[in-house]
Protein backbone atom coordinates (compact mmCIF):
# COMPACT_ATOMS: atom_id res chain seq x y z
CA UNK A 1 0.00 0.00 0.00
CA UNK A 2 2.24 2.80 -1.27
CA UNK A 3 1.07 6.36 -0.77
CA UNK A 4 1.45 8.93 -3.58
CA UNK A 5 4.34 11.43 -3.26
CA UNK A 6 1.91 14.34 -2.84
CA UNK A 7 -0.22 12.73 -0.13
CA UNK A 8 2.30 13.03 2.71
CA UNK A 9 3.25 16.59 1.76
CA UNK A 10 -0.40 17.57 1.47
CA UNK A 11 -1.19 16.05 4.88
CA UNK A 12 1.73 17.95 6.39
CA UNK A 13 0.49 21.24 4.94
CA UNK A 14 -3.04 20.60 6.21
CA UNK A 15 -1.65 19.81 9.66
CA UNK A 16 0.39 23.03 9.67
CA UNK A 17 -2.64 25.12 8.70
CA UNK A 18 -4.71 23.42 11.40
CA UNK A 19 -2.09 24.15 14.07
CA UNK A 20 -1.70 27.73 12.83
CA UNK A 21 -5.48 28.24 12.94
CA UNK A 22 -5.64 26.94 16.53
CA UNK A 23 -2.72 29.14 17.60
CA UNK A 24 -4.37 32.33 16.31
C-alpha atoms as a PDB file:
ATOM      1  CA  UNK A   1       0.000   0.000   0.000  1.00  0.00           C
ATOM      2  CA  UNK A   2       2.238   2.795  -1.267  1.00  0.00           C
ATOM      3  CA  UNK A   3       1.067   6.364  -0.767  1.00  0.00           C
ATOM      4  CA  UNK A   4       1.446   8.932  -3.578  1.00  0.00           C
ATOM      5  CA  UNK A   5       4.340  11.429  -3.261  1.00  0.00           C
ATOM      6  CA  UNK A   6       1.911  14.341  -2.836  1.00  0.00           C
ATOM      7  CA  UNK A   7      -0.215  12.727  -0.126  1.00  0.00           C
ATOM      8  CA  UNK A   8       2.297  13.027   2.706  1.00  0.00           C
ATOM      9  CA  UNK A   9       3.245  16.588   1.760  1.00  0.00           C
ATOM     10  CA  UNK A  10      -0.400  17.568   1.471  1.00  0.00           C
ATOM     11  CA  UNK A  11      -1.186  16.049   4.877  1.00  0.00           C
ATOM     12  CA  UNK A  12       1.732  17.948   6.393  1.00  0.00           C
ATOM     13  CA  UNK A  13       0.487  21.243   4.938  1.00  0.00           C
ATOM     14  CA  UNK A  14      -3.042  20.604   6.207  1.00  0.00           C
ATOM     15  CA  UNK A  15      -1.646  19.809   9.661  1.00  0.00           C
ATOM     16  CA  UNK A  16       0.385  23.032   9.668  1.00  0.00           C
ATOM     17  CA  UNK A  17      -2.639  25.122   8.698  1.00  0.00           C
ATOM     18  CA  UNK A  18      -4.715  23.423  11.401  1.00  0.00           C
ATOM     19  CA  UNK A  19      -2.093  24.153  14.071  1.00  0.00           C
ATOM     20  CA  UNK A  20      -1.703  27.729  12.831  1.00  0.00           C
ATOM     21  CA  UNK A  21      -5.478  28.241  12.937  1.00  0.00           C
ATOM     22  CA  UNK A  22      -5.637  26.939  16.526  1.00  0.00           C
ATOM     23  CA  UNK A  23      -2.723  29.142  17.595  1.00  0.00           C
ATOM     24  CA  UNK A  24      -4.365  32.328  16.313  1.00  0.00           C
END
